[in-house]
Structures are given as structure tokens and as C-alpha cells.
Amino acid sequence: MGALKRYRSLGGSGDEFFKFSEENPVLEGIWRGTQKGKFRDNGIIETPDGVRHLFTLSAMLKDLLQVPEGTGAKIHWLGRRLSKAGNSYHAFQIMVEDDGASDEVPF
């Protein structure tokens, strides 16, 4: 066994899956679009340290699909809420970088 063997990765991209919780309620970085997951699409945010975090795009996070890739984004998990129908869901606040362009006249 003198020669080194070459290995290749199967599945996984080296990205880390991010789970919103009380310990990790905020994910902030650069929006990098989506990646196909096993059951649904995953969103990708790259943090300043260069780590790409994957997270499930729930119904509340689908608004990120309208954000251009490369835009700064911050997602704050607000906890679990109860709908009027009695169903439990995860609530989020999504904030994106302000490009400074506004339709309002500053008077």
C-alpha cells in the first residue's frame, strides 16, 4: 500500500444546516439563493466567516426568493406562533440590505 488513494465526496456540499432556535434565533449574511433539498428547496446564507448555512424555506421565508443573490440579509426567528385555525408555525422577520433607492421624496 504505497500509493495514496483518492477520495471523492458523495452527497453533501460541505455546507452547514442551520436550525433556528432560542440559542440561534438570528442568521445574518449574504443571500446566496436556493439549493434543492431532499423534500423541498433550502435557502443559503453565507456568513462573514465564509460558512454557507442551509435552512428550510418555510412558507414565511419564501419572500427571500424575490431577493437578488448577493444581497445582505438577516433572518430573525420570532418563535412558534398559533394561527387562528389553531395550527402551530414558526414566525420570522426578514430584513434585507437597503440599497438607498426610495420612491419617497425626503422633504
PDB file of N, CA and C in Angstrom:
ATOM      1  N   MET A   1       0.834  -1.198   0.000  1.00  0.00           N
ATOM      2  CA  MET A   1       0.000   0.000   0.000  1.00  0.00           C
ATOM      3  C   MET A   1       0.864   1.243   0.000  1.00  0.00           C
ATOM      4  N   GLY A   2       1.590   1.453  -1.047  1.00  0.00           N
ATOM      5  CA  GLY A   2       2.475   2.585  -1.082  1.00  0.00           C
ATOM      6  C   GLY A   2       1.836   3.849  -1.629  1.00  0.00           C
ATOM      7  N   ALA A   3       0.837   3.736  -2.470  1.00  0.00           N
ATOM      8  CA  ALA A   3       0.235   4.912  -3.102  1.00  0.00           C
ATOM      9  C   ALA A   3      -0.949   5.422  -2.281  1.00  0.00           C
ATOM     10  N   LEU A   4      -1.090   6.748  -2.241  1.00  0.00           N
ATOM     11  CA  LEU A   4      -2.236   7.341  -1.555  1.00  0.00           C
ATOM     12  C   LEU A   4      -3.466   7.199  -2.439  1.00  0.00           C
ATOM     13  N   LYS A   5      -4.573   6.862  -1.828  1.00  0.00           N
ATOM     14  CA  LYS A   5      -5.824   6.723  -2.569  1.00  0.00           C
ATOM     15  C   LYS A   5      -6.513   8.071  -2.669  1.00  0.00           C
ATOM     16  N   ARG A   6      -7.232   8.261  -3.759  1.00  0.00           N
ATOM     17  CA  ARG A   6      -8.030   9.471  -3.933  1.00  0.00           C
ATOM     18  C   ARG A   6      -9.452   9.182  -3.507  1.00  0.00           C
ATOM     19  N   TYR A   7     -10.074  10.136  -2.863  1.00  0.00           N
ATOM     20  CA  TYR A   7     -11.449  10.005  -2.419  1.00  0.00           C
ATOM     21  C   TYR A   7     -12.268  11.153  -2.987  1.00  0.00           C
ATOM     22  N   ARG A   8     -13.530  10.893  -3.209  1.00  0.00           N
ATOM     23  CA  ARG A   8     -14.436  11.943  -3.644  1.00  0.00           C
ATOM     24  C   ARG A   8     -15.651  11.939  -2.727  1.00  0.00           C
ATOM     25  N   SER A   9     -16.267  13.070  -2.583  1.00  0.00           N
ATOM     26  CA  SER A   9     -17.410  13.225  -1.695  1.00  0.00           C
ATOM     27  C   SER A   9     -18.694  12.780  -2.391  1.00  0.00           C
ATOM     28  N   LEU A  10     -19.517  12.059  -1.671  1.00  0.00           N
ATOM     29  CA  LEU A  10     -20.838  11.673  -2.165  1.00  0.00           C
ATOM     30  C   LEU A  10     -21.872  12.464  -1.388  1.00  0.00           C
ATOM     31  N   GLY A  11     -22.692  13.219  -2.102  1.00  0.00           N
ATOM     32  CA  GLY A  11     -23.727  13.990  -1.436  1.00  0.00           C
ATOM     33  C   GLY A  11     -23.105  15.065  -0.554  1.00  0.00           C
ATOM     34  N   GLY A  12     -23.943  15.903  -0.015  1.00  0.00           N
ATOM     35  CA  GLY A  12     -23.451  16.960   0.851  1.00  0.00           C
ATOM     36  C   GLY A  12     -22.495  17.884   0.118  1.00  0.00           C
ATOM     37  N   SER A  13     -22.489  19.112   0.481  1.00  0.00           N
ATOM     38  CA  SER A  13     -21.632  20.071  -0.197  1.00  0.00           C
ATOM     39  C   SER A  13     -20.658  20.715   0.763  1.00  0.00           C
ATOM     40  N   GLY A  14     -20.640  20.252   1.999  1.00  0.00           N
ATOM     41  CA  GLY A  14     -19.790  20.880   2.991  1.00  0.00           C
ATOM     42  C   GLY A  14     -20.476  22.047   3.671  1.00  0.00           C
ATOM     43  N   ASP A  15     -21.700  22.381   3.235  1.00  0.00           N
ATOM     44  CA  ASP A  15     -22.453  23.454   3.864  1.00  0.00           C
ATOM     45  C   ASP A  15     -23.028  22.951   5.184  1.00  0.00           C
ATOM     46  N   GLU A  16     -23.271  23.877   6.087  1.00  0.00           N
ATOM     47  CA  GLU A  16     -23.835  23.518   7.380  1.00  0.00           C
ATOM     48  C   GLU A  16     -25.333  23.821   7.380  1.00  0.00           C
ATOM     49  N   PHE A  17     -26.117  22.899   7.937  1.00  0.00           N
ATOM     50  CA  PHE A  17     -27.553  23.126   8.042  1.00  0.00           C
ATOM     51  C   PHE A  17     -27.812  23.955   9.290  1.00  0.00           C
ATOM     52  N   PHE A  18     -28.578  25.033   9.158  1.00  0.00           N
ATOM     53  CA  PHE A  18     -28.855  25.944  10.272  1.00  0.00           C
ATOM     54  C   PHE A  18     -30.266  25.697  10.781  1.00  0.00           C
ATOM     55  N   LYS A  19     -30.403  25.463  12.072  1.00  0.00           N
ATOM     56  CA  LYS A  19     -31.711  25.273  12.682  1.00  0.00           C
ATOM     57  C   LYS A  19     -31.973  26.454  13.616  1.00  0.00           C
ATOM     58  N   PHE A  20     -33.033  27.206  13.310  1.00  0.00           N
ATOM     59  CA  PHE A  20     -33.399  28.338  14.151  1.00  0.00           C
ATOM     60  C   PHE A  20     -33.908  27.819  15.492  1.00  0.00           C
ATOM     61  N   SER A  21     -33.455  28.433  16.578  1.00  0.00           N
ATOM     62  CA  SER A  21     -33.870  28.033  17.923  1.00  0.00           C
ATOM     63  C   SER A  21     -33.656  29.206  18.866  1.00  0.00           C
ATOM     64  N   GLU A  22     -33.982  29.001  20.138  1.00  0.00           N
ATOM     65  CA  GLU A  22     -33.762  30.060  21.123  1.00  0.00           C
ATOM     66  C   GLU A  22     -32.276  30.377  21.257  1.00  0.00           C
ATOM     67  N   GLU A  23     -31.423  29.367  21.088  1.00  0.00           N
ATOM     68  CA  GLU A  23     -29.982  29.584  21.176  1.00  0.00           C
ATOM     69  C   GLU A  23     -29.438  30.245  19.906  1.00  0.00           C
ATOM     70  N   ASN A  24     -30.073  29.997  18.764  1.00  0.00           N
ATOM     71  CA  ASN A  24     -29.658  30.546  17.461  1.00  0.00           C
ATOM     72  C   ASN A  24     -30.846  31.204  16.767  1.00  0.00           C
ATOM     73  N   PRO A  25     -31.312  32.357  17.270  1.00  0.00           N
ATOM     74  CA  PRO A  25     -32.504  32.954  16.655  1.00  0.00           C
ATOM     75  C   PRO A  25     -32.225  33.822  15.430  1.00  0.00           C
ATOM     76  N   VAL A  26     -30.951  34.167  15.161  1.00  0.00           N
ATOM     77  CA  VAL A  26     -30.643  35.093  14.076  1.00  0.00           C
ATOM     78  C   VAL A  26     -29.606  34.484  13.137  1.00  0.00           C
ATOM     79  N   LEU A  27     -29.862  34.634  11.841  1.00  0.00           N
ATOM     80  CA  LEU A  27     -28.901  34.246  10.813  1.00  0.00           C
ATOM     81  C   LEU A  27     -28.703  35.465   9.925  1.00  0.00           C
ATOM     82  N   GLU A  28     -27.452  35.919   9.824  1.00  0.00           N
ATOM     83  CA  GLU A  28     -27.153  37.138   9.072  1.00  0.00           C
ATOM     84  C   GLU A  28     -25.969  36.905   8.150  1.00  0.00           C
ATOM     85  N   GLY A  29     -26.091  37.399   6.927  1.00  0.00           N
ATOM     86  CA  GLY A  29     -25.009  37.257   5.967  1.00  0.00           C
ATOM     87  C   GLY A  29     -25.465  37.650   4.577  1.00  0.00           C
ATOM     88  N   ILE A  30     -24.873  37.023   3.570  1.00  0.00           N
ATOM     89  CA  ILE A  30     -25.187  37.312   2.168  1.00  0.00           C
ATOM     90  C   ILE A  30     -26.090  36.219   1.611  1.00  0.00           C
ATOM     91  N   TRP A  31     -27.219  36.619   1.031  1.00  0.00           N
ATOM     92  CA  TRP A  31     -28.169  35.675   0.433  1.00  0.00           C
ATOM     93  C   TRP A  31     -27.533  35.070  -0.818  1.00  0.00           C
ATOM     94  N   ARG A  32     -27.451  33.735  -0.859  1.00  0.00           N
ATOM     95  CA  ARG A  32     -26.830  33.035  -1.978  1.00  0.00           C
ATOM     96  C   ARG A  32     -27.822  32.194  -2.783  1.00  0.00           C
ATOM     97  N   GLY A  33     -29.111  32.416  -2.606  1.00  0.00           N
ATOM     98  CA  GLY A  33     -30.112  31.705  -3.393  1.00  0.00           C
ATOM     99  C   GLY A  33     -30.563  30.416  -2.733  1.00  0.00           C
ATOM    100  N   THR A  34     -30.958  29.456  -3.575  1.00  0.00           N
ATOM    101  CA  THR A  34     -31.500  28.205  -3.050  1.00  0.00           C
ATOM    102  C   THR A  34     -30.730  27.009  -3.603  1.00  0.00           C
ATOM    103  N   GLN A  35     -30.957  25.895  -2.957  1.00  0.00           N
ATOM    104  CA  GLN A  35     -30.374  24.623  -3.369  1.00  0.00           C
ATOM    105  C   GLN A  35     -31.438  23.560  -3.161  1.00  0.00           C
ATOM    106  N   LYS A  36     -31.569  22.661  -4.116  1.00  0.00           N
ATOM    107  CA  LYS A  36     -32.557  21.593  -3.999  1.00  0.00           C
ATOM    108  C   LYS A  36     -32.234  20.713  -2.793  1.00  0.00           C
ATOM    109  N   GLY A  37     -33.248  20.442  -1.992  1.00  0.00           N
ATOM    110  CA  GLY A  37     -33.108  19.534  -0.867  1.00  0.00           C
ATOM    111  C   GLY A  37     -33.834  18.238  -1.157  1.00  0.00           C
ATOM    112  N   LYS A  38     -33.844  17.365  -0.183  1.00  0.00           N
ATOM    113  CA  LYS A  38     -34.490  16.071  -0.373  1.00  0.00           C
ATOM    114  C   LYS A  38     -35.998  16.229  -0.559  1.00  0.00           C
ATOM    115  N   PHE A  39     -36.618  17.088   0.240  1.00  0.00           N
ATOM    116  CA  PHE A  39     -38.072  17.249   0.181  1.00  0.00           C
ATOM    117  C   PHE A  39     -38.507  18.614  -0.333  1.00  0.00           C
ATOM    118  N   ARG A  40     -37.680  19.629  -0.175  1.00  0.00           N
ATOM    119  CA  ARG A  40     -38.008  20.985  -0.631  1.00  0.00           C
ATOM    120  C   ARG A  40     -36.725  21.768  -0.806  1.00  0.00           C
ATOM    121  N   ASP A  41     -36.850  22.986  -1.313  1.00  0.00           N
ATOM    122  CA  ASP A  41     -35.669  23.827  -1.514  1.00  0.00           C
ATOM    123  C   ASP A  41     -35.146  24.341  -0.173  1.00  0.00           C
ATOM    124  N   ASN A  42     -33.845  24.526  -0.111  1.00  0.00           N
ATOM    125  CA  ASN A  42     -33.197  25.114   1.056  1.00  0.00           C
ATOM    126  C   ASN A  42     -32.636  26.464   0.660  1.00  0.00           C
ATOM    127  N   GLY A  43     -32.735  27.436   1.568  1.00  0.00           N
ATOM    128  CA  GLY A  43     -32.116  28.730   1.358  1.00  0.00           C
ATOM    129  C   GLY A  43     -30.664  28.659   1.790  1.00  0.00           C
ATOM    130  N   ILE A  44     -29.850  29.557   1.240  1.00  0.00           N
ATOM    131  CA  ILE A  44     -28.432  29.589   1.592  1.00  0.00           C
ATOM    132  C   ILE A  44     -28.052  31.019   1.968  1.00  0.00           C
ATOM    133  N   ILE A  45     -27.466  31.171   3.142  1.00  0.00           N
ATOM    134  CA  ILE A  45     -26.889  32.448   3.558  1.00  0.00           C
ATOM    135  C   ILE A  45     -25.442  32.189   3.940  1.00  0.00           C
ATOM    136  N   GLU A  46     -24.555  33.004   3.364  1.00  0.00           N
ATOM    137  CA  GLU A  46     -23.126  32.891   3.668  1.00  0.00           C
ATOM    138  C   GLU A  46     -22.772  33.946   4.709  1.00  0.00           C
ATOM    139  N   THR A  47     -22.244  33.495   5.851  1.00  0.00           N
ATOM    140  CA  THR A  47     -21.879  34.408   6.926  1.00  0.00           C
ATOM    141  C   THR A  47     -20.506  35.028   6.645  1.00  0.00           C
ATOM    142  N   PRO A  48     -20.159  36.109   7.346  1.00  0.00           N
ATOM    143  CA  PRO A  48     -18.885  36.788   7.096  1.00  0.00           C
ATOM    144  C   PRO A  48     -17.647  35.889   7.235  1.00  0.00           C
ATOM    145  N   ASP A  49     -17.759  34.813   8.009  1.00  0.00           N
ATOM    146  CA  ASP A  49     -16.613  33.911   8.164  1.00  0.00           C
ATOM    147  C   ASP A  49     -16.495  32.917   7.012  1.00  0.00           C
ATOM    148  N   GLY A  50     -17.368  33.057   5.987  1.00  0.00           N
ATOM    149  CA  GLY A  50     -17.281  32.233   4.788  1.00  0.00           C
ATOM    150  C   GLY A  50     -18.066  30.931   4.838  1.00  0.00           C
ATOM    151  N   VAL A  51     -18.749  30.661   5.952  1.00  0.00           N
ATOM    152  CA  VAL A  51     -19.535  29.431   6.071  1.00  0.00           C
ATOM    153  C   VAL A  51     -20.893  29.645   5.425  1.00  0.00           C
ATOM    154  N   ARG A  52     -21.289  28.698   4.583  1.00  0.00           N
ATOM    155  CA  ARG A  52     -22.601  28.743   3.929  1.00  0.00           C
ATOM    156  C   ARG A  52     -23.579  27.920   4.765  1.00  0.00           C
ATOM    157  N   HIS A  53     -24.642  28.582   5.238  1.00  0.00           N
ATOM    158  CA  HIS A  53     -25.641  27.929   6.082  1.00  0.00           C
ATOM    159  C   HIS A  53     -26.900  27.647   5.265  1.00  0.00           C
ATOM    160  N   LEU A  54     -27.340  26.400   5.275  1.00  0.00           N
ATOM    161  CA  LEU A  54     -28.586  25.991   4.631  1.00  0.00           C
ATOM    162  C   LEU A  54     -29.701  26.027   5.652  1.00  0.00           C
ATOM    163  N   PHE A  55     -30.902  26.389   5.219  1.00  0.00           N
ATOM    164  CA  PHE A  55     -32.067  26.353   6.098  1.00  0.00           C
ATOM    165  C   PHE A  55     -33.295  26.074   5.253  1.00  0.00           C
ATOM    166  N   THR A  56     -34.277  25.446   5.855  1.00  0.00           N
ATOM    167  CA  THR A  56     -35.502  25.095   5.151  1.00  0.00           C
ATOM    168  C   THR A  56     -36.295  26.355   4.831  1.00  0.00           C
ATOM    169  N   LEU A  57     -36.747  26.467   3.603  1.00  0.00           N
ATOM    170  CA  LEU A  57     -37.564  27.610   3.188  1.00  0.00           C
ATOM    171  C   LEU A  57     -39.027  27.324   3.517  1.00  0.00           C
ATOM    172  N   SER A  58     -39.427  27.696   4.714  1.00  0.00           N
ATOM    173  CA  SER A  58     -40.823  27.532   5.101  1.00  0.00           C
ATOM    174  C   SER A  58     -41.654  28.571   4.353  1.00  0.00           C
ATOM    175  N   ALA A  59     -42.958  28.494   4.487  1.00  0.00           N
ATOM    176  CA  ALA A  59     -43.849  29.423   3.783  1.00  0.00           C
ATOM    177  C   ALA A  59     -43.504  30.873   4.107  1.00  0.00           C
ATOM    178  N   MET A  60     -43.139  31.160   5.360  1.00  0.00           N
ATOM    179  CA  MET A  60     -42.825  32.537   5.745  1.00  0.00           C
ATOM    180  C   MET A  60     -41.511  33.017   5.150  1.00  0.00           C
ATOM    181  N   LEU A  61     -40.616  32.109   4.814  1.00  0.00           N
ATOM    182  CA  LEU A  61     -39.311  32.504   4.291  1.00  0.00           C
ATOM    183  C   LEU A  61     -39.261  32.535   2.765  1.00  0.00           C
ATOM    184  N   LYS A  62     -40.360  32.190   2.104  1.00  0.00           N
ATOM    185  CA  LYS A  62     -40.401  32.181   0.633  1.00  0.00           C
ATOM    186  C   LYS A  62     -40.218  33.585   0.047  1.00  0.00           C
ATOM    187  N   ASP A  63     -40.429  34.642   0.849  1.00  0.00           N
ATOM    188  CA  ASP A  63     -40.213  36.013   0.361  1.00  0.00           C
ATOM    189  C   ASP A  63     -38.759  36.229  -0.045  1.00  0.00           C
ATOM    190  N   LEU A  64     -37.845  35.431   0.495  1.00  0.00           N
ATOM    191  CA  LEU A  64     -36.435  35.557   0.135  1.00  0.00           C
ATOM    192  C   LEU A  64     -36.192  35.233  -1.340  1.00  0.00           C
ATOM    193  N   LEU A  65     -37.101  34.502  -1.967  1.00  0.00           N
ATOM    194  CA  LEU A  65     -36.938  34.154  -3.378  1.00  0.00           C
ATOM    195  C   LEU A  65     -36.972  35.393  -4.275  1.00  0.00           C
ATOM    196  N   GLN A  66     -37.520  36.506  -3.770  1.00  0.00           N
ATOM    197  CA  GLN A  66     -37.591  37.750  -4.535  1.00  0.00           C
ATOM    198  C   GLN A  66     -36.338  38.608  -4.361  1.00  0.00           C
ATOM    199  N   VAL A  67     -35.461  38.206  -3.444  1.00  0.00           N
ATOM    200  CA  VAL A  67     -34.253  38.976  -3.147  1.00  0.00           C
ATOM    201  C   VAL A  67     -33.144  38.564  -4.107  1.00  0.00           C
ATOM    202  N   PRO A  68     -32.472  39.522  -4.751  1.00  0.00           N
ATOM    203  CA  PRO A  68     -31.372  39.168  -5.658  1.00  0.00           C
ATOM    204  C   PRO A  68     -30.207  38.532  -4.887  1.00  0.00           C
ATOM    205  N   GLU A  69     -29.587  37.532  -5.505  1.00  0.00           N
ATOM    206  CA  GLU A  69     -28.426  36.905  -4.881  1.00  0.00           C
ATOM    207  C   GLU A  69     -27.334  37.941  -4.682  1.00  0.00           C
ATOM    208  N   GLY A  70     -26.610  37.835  -3.579  1.00  0.00           N
ATOM    209  CA  GLY A  70     -25.551  38.779  -3.260  1.00  0.00           C
ATOM    210  C   GLY A  70     -26.000  39.907  -2.353  1.00  0.00           C
ATOM    211  N   THR A  71     -27.285  39.936  -2.003  1.00  0.00           N
ATOM    212  CA  THR A  71     -27.831  40.963  -1.128  1.00  0.00           C
ATOM    213  C   THR A  71     -27.656  40.543   0.330  1.00  0.00           C
ATOM    214  N   GLY A  72     -27.306  41.496   1.174  1.00  0.00           N
ATOM    215  CA  GLY A  72     -27.212  41.223   2.601  1.00  0.00           C
ATOM    216  C   GLY A  72     -28.595  40.935   3.163  1.00  0.00           C
ATOM    217  N   ALA A  73     -28.690  39.916   4.018  1.00  0.00           N
ATOM    218  CA  ALA A  73     -29.984  39.537   4.595  1.00  0.00           C
ATOM    219  C   ALA A  73     -29.810  39.136   6.054  1.00  0.00           C
ATOM    220  N   LYS A  74     -30.862  39.369   6.817  1.00  0.00           N
ATOM    221  CA  LYS A  74     -30.873  38.999   8.230  1.00  0.00           C
ATOM    222  C   LYS A  74     -32.233  38.377   8.523  1.00  0.00           C
ATOM    223  N   ILE A  75     -32.220  37.162   9.060  1.00  0.00           N
ATOM    224  CA  ILE A  75     -33.453  36.466   9.407  1.00  0.00           C
ATOM    225  C   ILE A  75     -33.487  36.304  10.913  1.00  0.00           C
ATOM    226  N   HIS A  76     -34.561  36.781  11.518  1.00  0.00           N
ATOM    227  CA  HIS A  76     -34.733  36.673  12.968  1.00  0.00           C
ATOM    228  C   HIS A  76     -35.927  35.756  13.240  1.00  0.00           C
ATOM    229  N   TRP A  77     -35.670  34.660  13.942  1.00  0.00           N
ATOM    230  CA  TRP A  77     -36.733  33.728  14.320  1.00  0.00           C
ATOM    231  C   TRP A  77     -37.456  34.311  15.521  1.00  0.00           C
ATOM    232  N   LEU A  78     -38.771  34.483  15.416  1.00  0.00           N
ATOM    233  CA  LEU A  78     -39.572  35.087  16.479  1.00  0.00           C
ATOM    234  C   LEU A  78     -40.218  34.048  17.388  1.00  0.00           C
ATOM    235  N   GLY A  79     -40.021  32.785  17.089  1.00  0.00           N
ATOM    236  CA  GLY A  79     -40.590  31.718  17.913  1.00  0.00           C
ATOM    237  C   GLY A  79     -41.784  31.057  17.247  1.00  0.00           C
ATOM    238  N   ARG A  80     -42.396  30.180  17.991  1.00  0.00           N
ATOM    239  CA  ARG A  80     -43.578  29.489  17.474  1.00  0.00           C
ATOM    240  C   ARG A  80     -44.812  30.321  17.791  1.00  0.00           C
ATOM    241  N   ARG A  81     -45.725  30.365  16.838  1.00  0.00           N
ATOM    242  CA  ARG A  81     -46.979  31.112  16.991  1.00  0.00           C
ATOM    243  C   ARG A  81     -48.138  30.166  16.718  1.00  0.00           C
ATOM    244  N   LEU A  82     -49.331  30.601  17.089  1.00  0.00           N
ATOM    245  CA  LEU A  82     -50.537  29.814  16.866  1.00  0.00           C
ATOM    246  C   LEU A  82     -51.441  30.562  15.893  1.00  0.00           C
ATOM    247  N   SER A  83     -51.820  29.907  14.803  1.00  0.00           N
ATOM    248  CA  SER A  83     -52.685  30.551  13.809  1.00  0.00           C
ATOM    249  C   SER A  83     -54.122  30.608  14.331  1.00  0.00           C
ATOM    250  N   LYS A  84     -54.980  31.346  13.628  1.00  0.00           N
ATOM    251  CA  LYS A  84     -56.394  31.434  14.019  1.00  0.00           C
ATOM    252  C   LYS A  84     -57.067  30.076  13.969  1.00  0.00           C
ATOM    253  N   ALA A  85     -56.560  29.206  13.094  1.00  0.00           N
ATOM    254  CA  ALA A  85     -57.132  27.858  12.968  1.00  0.00           C
ATOM    255  C   ALA A  85     -56.597  26.915  14.038  1.00  0.00           C
ATOM    256  N   GLY A  86     -55.634  27.395  14.844  1.00  0.00           N
ATOM    257  CA  GLY A  86     -55.095  26.573  15.918  1.00  0.00           C
ATOM    258  C   GLY A  86     -53.846  25.790  15.546  1.00  0.00           C
ATOM    259  N   ASN A  87     -53.289  26.077  14.371  1.00  0.00           N
ATOM    260  CA  ASN A  87     -52.065  25.384  13.950  1.00  0.00           C
ATOM    261  C   ASN A  87     -50.827  26.137  14.427  1.00  0.00           C
ATOM    262  N   SER A  88     -49.808  25.403  14.839  1.00  0.00           N
ATOM    263  CA  SER A  88     -48.554  25.984  15.280  1.00  0.00           C
ATOM    264  C   SER A  88     -47.625  26.181  14.084  1.00  0.00           C
ATOM    265  N   TYR A  89     -46.929  27.326  14.049  1.00  0.00           N
ATOM    266  CA  TYR A  89     -45.986  27.599  12.960  1.00  0.00           C
ATOM    267  C   TYR A  89     -44.816  28.421  13.502  1.00  0.00           C
ATOM    268  N   HIS A  90     -43.732  28.454  12.750  1.00  0.00           N
ATOM    269  CA  HIS A  90     -42.571  29.260  13.096  1.00  0.00           C
ATOM    270  C   HIS A  90     -42.735  30.630  12.463  1.00  0.00           C
ATOM    271  N   ALA A  91     -42.541  31.696  13.244  1.00  0.00           N
ATOM    272  CA  ALA A  91     -42.650  33.065  12.734  1.00  0.00           C
ATOM    273  C   ALA A  91     -41.246  33.651  12.564  1.00  0.00           C
ATOM    274  N   PHE A  92     -41.051  34.421  11.487  1.00  0.00           N
ATOM    275  CA  PHE A  92     -39.760  35.013  11.183  1.00  0.00           C
ATOM    276  C   PHE A  92     -39.924  36.475  10.795  1.00  0.00           C
ATOM    277  N   GLN A  93     -38.876  37.256  11.027  1.00  0.00           N
ATOM    278  CA  GLN A  93     -38.772  38.608  10.486  1.00  0.00           C
ATOM    279  C   GLN A  93     -37.595  38.579   9.528  1.00  0.00           C
ATOM    280  N   ILE A  94     -37.815  39.024   8.295  1.00  0.00           N
ATOM    281  CA  ILE A  94     -36.770  39.040   7.281  1.00  0.00           C
ATOM    282  C   ILE A  94     -36.409  40.492   6.997  1.00  0.00           C
ATOM    283  N   MET A  95     -35.112  40.797   7.064  1.00  0.00           N
ATOM    284  CA  MET A  95     -34.639  42.136   6.731  1.00  0.00           C
ATOM    285  C   MET A  95     -33.551  41.990   5.673  1.00  0.00           C
ATOM    286  N   VAL A  96     -33.563  42.899   4.685  1.00  0.00           N
ATOM    287  CA  VAL A  96     -32.542  42.886   3.635  1.00  0.00           C
ATOM    288  C   VAL A  96     -31.864  44.247   3.590  1.00  0.00           C
ATOM    289  N   GLU A  97     -30.660  44.261   3.008  1.00  0.00           N
ATOM    290  CA  GLU A  97     -29.901  45.490   2.871  1.00  0.00           C
ATOM    291  C   GLU A  97     -30.702  46.531   2.129  1.00  0.00           C
ATOM    292  N   ASP A  98     -30.653  47.756   2.589  1.00  0.00           N
ATOM    293  CA  ASP A  98     -31.325  48.855   1.920  1.00  0.00           C
ATOM    294  C   ASP A  98     -30.374  49.425   0.885  1.00  0.00           C
ATOM    295  N   ASP A  99     -30.810  49.445  -0.367  1.00  0.00           N
ATOM    296  CA  ASP A  99     -29.945  49.934  -1.431  1.00  0.00           C
ATOM    297  C   ASP A  99     -29.932  51.457  -1.532  1.00  0.00           C
ATOM    298  N   GLY A 100     -30.717  52.118  -0.669  1.00  0.00           N
ATOM    299  CA  GLY A 100     -30.742  53.574  -0.666  1.00  0.00           C
ATOM    300  C   GLY A 100     -31.738  54.160  -1.646  1.00  0.00           C
ATOM    301  N   ALA A 101     -32.234  53.364  -2.574  1.00  0.00           N
ATOM    302  CA  ALA A 101     -33.208  53.862  -3.542  1.00  0.00           C
ATOM    303  C   ALA A 101     -34.582  53.852  -2.903  1.00  0.00           C
ATOM    304  N   SER A 102     -35.263  54.948  -2.990  1.00  0.00           N
ATOM    305  CA  SER A 102     -36.592  55.048  -2.402  1.00  0.00           C
ATOM    306  C   SER A 102     -37.482  55.869  -3.316  1.00  0.00           C
ATOM    307  N   ASP A 103     -38.751  55.520  -3.346  1.00  0.00           N
ATOM    308  CA  ASP A 103     -39.708  56.271  -4.152  1.00  0.00           C
ATOM    309  C   ASP A 103     -40.176  57.532  -3.427  1.00  0.00           C
ATOM    310  N   GLU A 104     -39.907  57.611  -2.136  1.00  0.00           N
ATOM    311  CA  GLU A 104     -40.364  58.754  -1.355  1.00  0.00           C
ATOM    312  C   GLU A 104     -39.405  59.923  -1.522  1.00  0.00           C
ATOM    313  N   VAL A 105     -39.951  61.136  -1.558  1.00  0.00           N
ATOM    314  CA  VAL A 105     -39.145  62.330  -1.625  1.00  0.00           C
ATOM    315  C   VAL A 105     -38.879  62.802  -0.198  1.00  0.00           C
ATOM    316  N   PRO A 106     -37.607  62.968   0.182  1.00  0.00           N
ATOM    317  CA  PRO A 106     -37.286  63.336   1.569  1.00  0.00           C
ATOM    318  C   PRO A 106     -37.484  64.823   1.845  1.00  0.00           C
ATOM    319  N   PHE A 107     -38.710  65.248   2.117  1.00  0.00           N
ATOM    320  CA  PHE A 107     -38.996  66.651   2.443  1.00  0.00           C
ATOM    321  C   PHE A 107     -39.294  66.735   3.894  1.00  0.00           C
TER     322      PHE A 107
END
